[in-house]
Amino acid sequence: MRQAAPELTDQDIEQSTWPSRKRMVDVGGLELAYVEIAGSEPPLLLVHGFTDTSRSFSLLAPHLSGRRLIMPDLRGHGGSAAGEGCGAADFADDMAGLIRHLRLNRPVVIGHSLGGMVSIALAARHPELIGGLVILASTLKPDFGSHHQLIDGVAALRDPISPSDPFYDWWHACRPGVPRAFLAGLAQDASAIPAARWRAILEEIRHTDLTAAARAVQAPALIIAGGHDPLFGAAHQQAMAEALAGSRRVWARECGHNPHWEDPAFVAEAIAGMLPAA
């Protein structure tokens, strides 16, 4: 007897249709993809992490209901063209171009992991464009040794990368309860990035030091840190708090490297604390 197909949940549908929501824009000759949700000002520009896409914020977006959200794919990720450079400054200048193209009025920039590094570089390089910063599970200076699990895992990847590669069990690890359709979508997006690009971006990240850039940031900043972050723990968060003058730090105590997946309601509440009422 033929079994009935499992019923699709709202989350399944949301994740399957996410790519179709993307718009394209030319920023300095580079095609960037982004998802926009209409809402009140100031706009929030949400910048995802390494190998993720705008999908990374799809669980957080409903908790920011009523806000205007701009969620781009960084160059070389998702629907965006790769371009020639892949350093923090390249990503930051792309975001500056997007802000100008969309005529965003001093958005609050929310950056996760690599996106947090990009956000700090953006605020330092283009201070006139930024109204505030939220740095989520990020760092100023990664300290990945030559045999760090991330370095070794990325070095072992071979094209075509499978979305079921065991590496994702570690790379996308998070608390129970994160929707499987969401994690599957992330793995699908990441697997579309050639292994050589994974390695090139990671090599840039390893040699980045944003300490001086962070000290130059004048925008108000909120740091959200995961209490069990295996990549950027307490020492990284302390260094960031010291460099970002006047910043405030909150801990998602039960979360790892992805608090906006693991506890999006907590993250949204923390972000709302630095925004005017919608």
Protein backbone atom coordinates (compact mmCIF):
# COMPACT_ATOMS: atom_id res chain seq x y z
CA MET A 1 0.00 0.00 0.00
CA ARG A 2 1.39 3.37 -1.01
CA GLN A 3 2.05 5.70 1.93
CA ALA A 4 0.77 9.24 1.83
CA ALA A 5 3.40 11.94 1.44
CA PRO A 6 4.16 13.74 4.72
CA GLU A 7 2.20 16.95 5.12
CA LEU A 8 4.26 20.08 4.54
CA THR A 9 4.52 22.44 7.50
CA ASP A 10 4.53 26.24 7.25
CA GLN A 11 8.26 26.12 7.96
CA ASP A 12 8.82 23.64 5.11
CA ILE A 13 6.99 25.96 2.72
CA GLU A 14 8.80 29.06 4.00
CA GLN A 15 12.19 27.45 3.47
CA SER A 16 11.39 25.99 0.06
CA THR A 17 10.18 29.35 -1.27
CA TRP A 18 12.91 31.50 0.29
CA PRO A 19 15.07 31.70 -2.89
CA SER A 20 12.09 32.91 -4.93
CA ARG A 21 11.76 35.96 -2.67
CA LYS A 22 15.15 37.34 -3.67
CA ARG A 23 15.56 40.51 -5.70
CA MET A 24 18.68 41.45 -7.65
CA VAL A 25 20.54 44.74 -7.64
CA ASP A 26 23.71 45.92 -9.38
CA VAL A 27 26.17 47.33 -6.85
CA GLY A 28 29.33 48.66 -8.46
CA GLY A 29 29.05 46.18 -11.30
CA LEU A 30 28.36 43.23 -8.99
CA GLU A 31 24.97 41.55 -8.90
CA LEU A 32 23.78 41.10 -5.32
CA ALA A 33 20.69 39.19 -4.21
CA TYR A 34 18.60 40.29 -1.24
CA VAL A 35 15.28 39.70 0.46
CA GLU A 36 13.28 42.69 1.67
CA ILE A 37 10.37 42.76 4.12
CA ALA A 38 8.47 46.04 4.38
CA GLY A 39 8.08 47.77 7.72
CA SER A 40 8.91 50.75 9.85
CA GLU A 41 12.12 52.73 9.90
CA PRO A 42 14.95 52.65 10.73
CA PRO A 43 15.64 49.74 8.41
CA LEU A 44 17.57 46.74 9.65
CA LEU A 45 20.32 45.42 7.39
CA LEU A 46 21.02 41.80 8.34
CA VAL A 47 24.37 40.38 7.24
CA HIS A 48 24.83 36.60 7.37
CA GLY A 49 27.87 34.50 8.20
CA PHE A 50 30.35 32.41 6.25
CA THR A 51 28.66 29.97 3.78
CA ASP A 52 25.17 31.09 4.86
CA THR A 53 22.72 33.24 2.89
CA SER A 54 19.88 35.60 3.72
CA ARG A 55 18.05 32.41 4.77
CA SER A 56 20.07 32.59 8.00
CA PHE A 57 17.63 35.26 9.24
CA SER A 58 14.42 33.55 8.14
CA LEU A 59 13.73 32.29 11.68
CA LEU A 60 14.49 35.69 13.21
CA ALA A 61 12.43 37.76 10.77
CA PRO A 62 8.98 36.85 12.22
CA HIS A 63 10.17 38.04 15.63
CA LEU A 64 11.08 41.41 14.09
CA SER A 65 7.60 41.83 12.65
CA GLY A 66 6.78 45.42 11.74
CA ARG A 67 10.38 46.36 10.95
CA ARG A 68 11.77 46.96 7.49
CA LEU A 69 14.30 44.19 6.91
CA ILE A 70 16.96 44.03 4.21
CA MET A 71 18.69 40.62 4.07
CA PRO A 72 21.37 40.33 1.37
CA ASP A 73 23.42 37.38 0.18
CA LEU A 74 27.09 38.32 0.51
CA ARG A 75 29.15 38.14 -2.68
CA GLY A 76 29.92 34.56 -3.60
CA HIS A 77 27.03 33.26 -1.46
CA GLY A 78 23.51 32.31 -2.48
CA GLY A 79 22.23 34.29 -5.44
CA SER A 80 24.99 36.93 -5.43
CA ALA A 81 27.86 37.02 -7.90
CA ALA A 82 31.31 36.18 -6.58
CA GLY A 83 33.39 39.17 -7.68
CA GLU A 84 37.17 39.16 -7.40
CA GLY A 85 37.90 39.87 -3.72
CA CYS A 86 36.54 38.05 -0.68
CA GLY A 87 37.94 39.98 2.28
CA ALA A 88 35.99 41.85 4.96
CA ALA A 89 36.59 45.17 3.18
CA ASP A 90 35.16 43.78 -0.08
CA PHE A 91 32.01 42.57 1.64
CA ALA A 92 31.73 45.85 3.59
CA ASP A 93 31.99 48.00 0.48
CA ASP A 94 29.28 45.88 -1.17
CA MET A 95 27.01 46.58 1.81
CA ALA A 96 27.77 50.29 1.56
CA GLY A 97 26.81 50.18 -2.11
CA LEU A 98 23.58 48.37 -1.27
CA ILE A 99 22.70 50.96 1.39
CA ARG A 100 23.25 53.75 -1.11
CA HIS A 101 21.39 52.00 -3.94
CA LEU A 102 18.34 51.30 -1.78
CA ARG A 103 18.62 54.75 -0.16
CA LEU A 104 18.50 53.28 3.31
CA ASN A 105 18.54 56.00 5.95
CA ARG A 106 21.23 55.06 8.50
CA PRO A 107 20.15 51.44 9.02
CA VAL A 108 20.96 49.40 12.08
CA VAL A 109 23.32 46.72 10.79
CA ILE A 110 23.00 43.27 12.35
CA GLY A 111 25.88 40.95 11.52
CA HIS A 112 26.36 37.31 12.45
CA SER A 113 29.84 35.75 12.67
CA LEU A 114 31.61 36.77 9.42
CA GLY A 115 28.70 39.18 8.97
CA GLY A 116 29.62 40.78 12.29
CA MET A 117 33.17 41.30 11.06
CA VAL A 118 31.80 42.79 7.84
CA SER A 119 29.51 45.08 9.86
CA ILE A 120 32.40 46.43 11.91
CA ALA A 121 34.43 47.04 8.76
CA LEU A 122 31.40 48.77 7.22
CA ALA A 123 30.92 51.04 10.24
CA ALA A 124 34.61 51.97 10.27
CA ARG A 125 34.91 52.56 6.51
CA HIS A 126 31.53 54.26 5.97
CA PRO A 127 30.47 55.77 9.32
CA GLU A 128 28.05 58.21 7.68
CA LEU A 129 25.86 55.33 6.49
CA ILE A 130 25.31 53.51 9.78
CA GLY A 131 22.84 54.21 12.57
CA GLY A 132 23.82 51.35 14.88
CA LEU A 133 25.44 47.94 15.09
CA VAL A 134 24.38 44.57 16.47
CA ILE A 135 27.27 42.10 16.48
CA LEU A 136 26.06 38.53 16.88
CA ALA A 137 28.44 35.67 17.81
CA SER A 138 31.39 37.30 16.10
CA THR A 139 35.01 38.33 16.65
CA LEU A 140 37.60 40.98 15.81
CA LYS A 141 40.39 38.52 15.18
CA PRO A 142 39.80 34.80 14.61
CA ASP A 143 42.39 32.56 16.22
CA PHE A 144 41.93 29.43 14.13
CA GLY A 145 45.09 27.34 14.38
CA SER A 146 46.37 25.30 11.45
CA HIS A 147 44.49 22.21 12.68
CA HIS A 148 41.32 23.83 13.93
CA GLN A 149 38.23 21.73 13.23
CA LEU A 150 36.91 24.36 10.83
CA ILE A 151 40.19 24.55 8.91
CA ASP A 152 40.49 20.78 8.64
CA GLY A 153 36.83 20.33 7.76
CA VAL A 154 36.91 22.87 4.95
CA ALA A 155 40.20 21.49 3.62
CA ALA A 156 38.56 18.06 3.30
CA LEU A 157 35.59 19.28 1.22
CA ARG A 158 35.49 18.20 -2.41
CA ASP A 159 33.23 19.29 -5.25
CA PRO A 160 30.43 18.64 -5.64
CA ILE A 161 29.79 19.18 -1.93
CA SER A 162 26.89 17.06 -0.68
CA PRO A 163 24.22 18.74 1.49
CA SER A 164 24.37 15.58 3.62
CA ASP A 165 28.14 15.82 4.17
CA PRO A 166 28.88 14.92 7.84
CA PHE A 167 30.77 18.22 8.17
CA TYR A 168 27.41 20.01 8.46
CA ASP A 169 26.64 18.10 11.66
CA TRP A 170 29.38 20.20 13.26
CA TRP A 171 29.20 23.36 11.14
CA HIS A 172 25.46 23.85 11.66
CA ALA A 173 25.32 22.39 15.18
CA CYS A 174 22.75 24.02 17.45
CA ARG A 175 20.25 23.32 20.21
CA PRO A 176 17.36 20.92 19.59
CA GLY A 177 14.24 22.47 18.15
CA VAL A 178 15.73 24.31 15.17
CA PRO A 179 13.53 23.33 12.18
CA ARG A 180 15.05 20.58 10.04
CA ALA A 181 13.76 22.22 6.86
CA PHE A 182 15.76 25.33 7.77
CA LEU A 183 18.97 23.40 8.41
CA ALA A 184 18.49 21.43 5.19
CA GLY A 185 18.08 24.69 3.29
CA LEU A 186 21.27 26.09 4.81
CA ALA A 187 23.20 22.96 3.82
CA GLN A 188 21.79 23.16 0.29
CA ASP A 189 22.84 26.81 0.00
CA ALA A 190 26.32 26.18 1.38
CA SER A 191 26.88 23.16 -0.86
CA ALA A 192 26.33 25.32 -3.94
CA ILE A 193 29.50 27.28 -3.07
CA PRO A 194 32.57 25.72 -4.71
CA ALA A 195 35.07 24.24 -2.25
CA ALA A 196 37.79 26.55 -3.58
CA ARG A 197 35.67 29.57 -2.63
CA TRP A 198 35.10 28.17 0.87
CA ARG A 199 38.86 27.94 1.29
CA ALA A 200 39.60 31.37 -0.21
CA ILE A 201 37.12 33.17 2.06
CA LEU A 202 38.27 31.23 5.11
CA GLU A 203 41.89 32.14 4.39
CA GLU A 204 40.90 35.82 4.30
CA ILE A 205 38.98 35.46 7.57
CA ARG A 206 41.95 33.82 9.30
CA HIS A 207 44.19 36.80 8.58
CA THR A 208 41.72 39.54 9.48
CA ASP A 209 42.25 41.80 12.50
CA LEU A 210 39.52 44.40 13.05
CA THR A 211 40.74 45.72 16.40
CA ALA A 212 41.74 49.12 15.02
CA ALA A 213 38.57 49.32 12.92
CA ALA A 214 36.38 48.60 15.95
CA ARG A 215 38.10 51.34 17.95
CA ALA A 216 37.17 53.79 15.19
CA VAL A 217 33.46 52.88 15.25
CA GLN A 218 31.26 55.67 16.58
CA ALA A 219 27.83 54.10 16.11
CA PRO A 220 26.07 52.64 19.16
CA ALA A 221 26.75 48.91 19.36
CA LEU A 222 25.12 45.87 20.94
CA ILE A 223 27.04 42.61 21.26
CA ILE A 224 25.02 39.38 21.50
CA ALA A 225 27.17 36.40 22.47
CA GLY A 226 26.40 32.69 22.69
CA GLY A 227 27.25 31.22 26.07
CA HIS A 228 28.46 27.98 24.45
CA ASP A 229 29.97 29.39 21.25
CA PRO A 230 32.69 26.93 20.11
CA LEU A 231 34.22 29.43 17.69
CA PHE A 232 34.20 32.79 19.43
CA GLY A 233 33.99 32.41 23.19
CA ALA A 234 34.34 34.74 26.14
CA ALA A 235 37.81 36.06 25.31
CA HIS A 236 36.66 37.13 21.84
CA GLN A 237 33.59 38.83 23.29
CA GLN A 238 35.62 40.66 25.92
CA ALA A 239 38.06 41.97 23.31
CA MET A 240 35.17 43.19 21.19
CA ALA A 241 33.47 44.91 24.12
CA GLU A 242 36.69 46.71 24.98
CA ALA A 243 37.29 47.87 21.39
CA LEU A 244 33.71 49.04 20.69
CA ALA A 245 33.50 52.07 22.96
CA GLY A 246 30.25 52.32 24.90
CA SER A 247 28.94 49.00 23.60
CA ARG A 248 26.50 46.86 25.55
CA ARG A 249 26.82 43.09 25.75
CA VAL A 250 24.16 40.45 26.39
CA TRP A 251 24.60 36.70 26.66
CA ALA A 252 22.38 34.08 25.06
CA ARG A 253 23.48 31.71 27.80
CA GLU A 254 22.14 28.44 26.42
CA CYS A 255 23.11 29.09 22.81
CA GLY A 256 26.14 28.20 20.73
CA HIS A 257 27.40 30.00 17.63
CA ASN A 258 23.94 30.64 16.16
CA PRO A 259 21.69 32.31 18.74
CA HIS A 260 19.35 33.71 16.06
CA TRP A 261 18.54 30.13 15.02
CA GLU A 262 18.46 28.67 18.52
CA ASP A 263 16.57 31.43 20.36
CA PRO A 264 15.33 33.99 17.83
CA ALA A 265 12.82 35.47 20.29
CA PHE A 266 15.62 36.34 22.73
CA VAL A 267 17.78 37.86 19.98
CA ALA A 268 14.87 39.91 18.61
CA GLU A 269 14.06 41.22 22.08
CA ALA A 270 17.68 42.29 22.58
CA ILE A 271 17.71 44.05 19.21
CA ALA A 272 14.39 45.78 19.93
CA GLY A 273 15.94 47.30 23.05
CA MET A 274 18.11 49.58 20.93
CA LEU A 275 15.42 50.57 18.41
CA PRO A 276 12.67 53.21 18.56
CA ALA A 277 9.17 51.77 18.96
CA ALA A 278 7.77 50.38 15.69
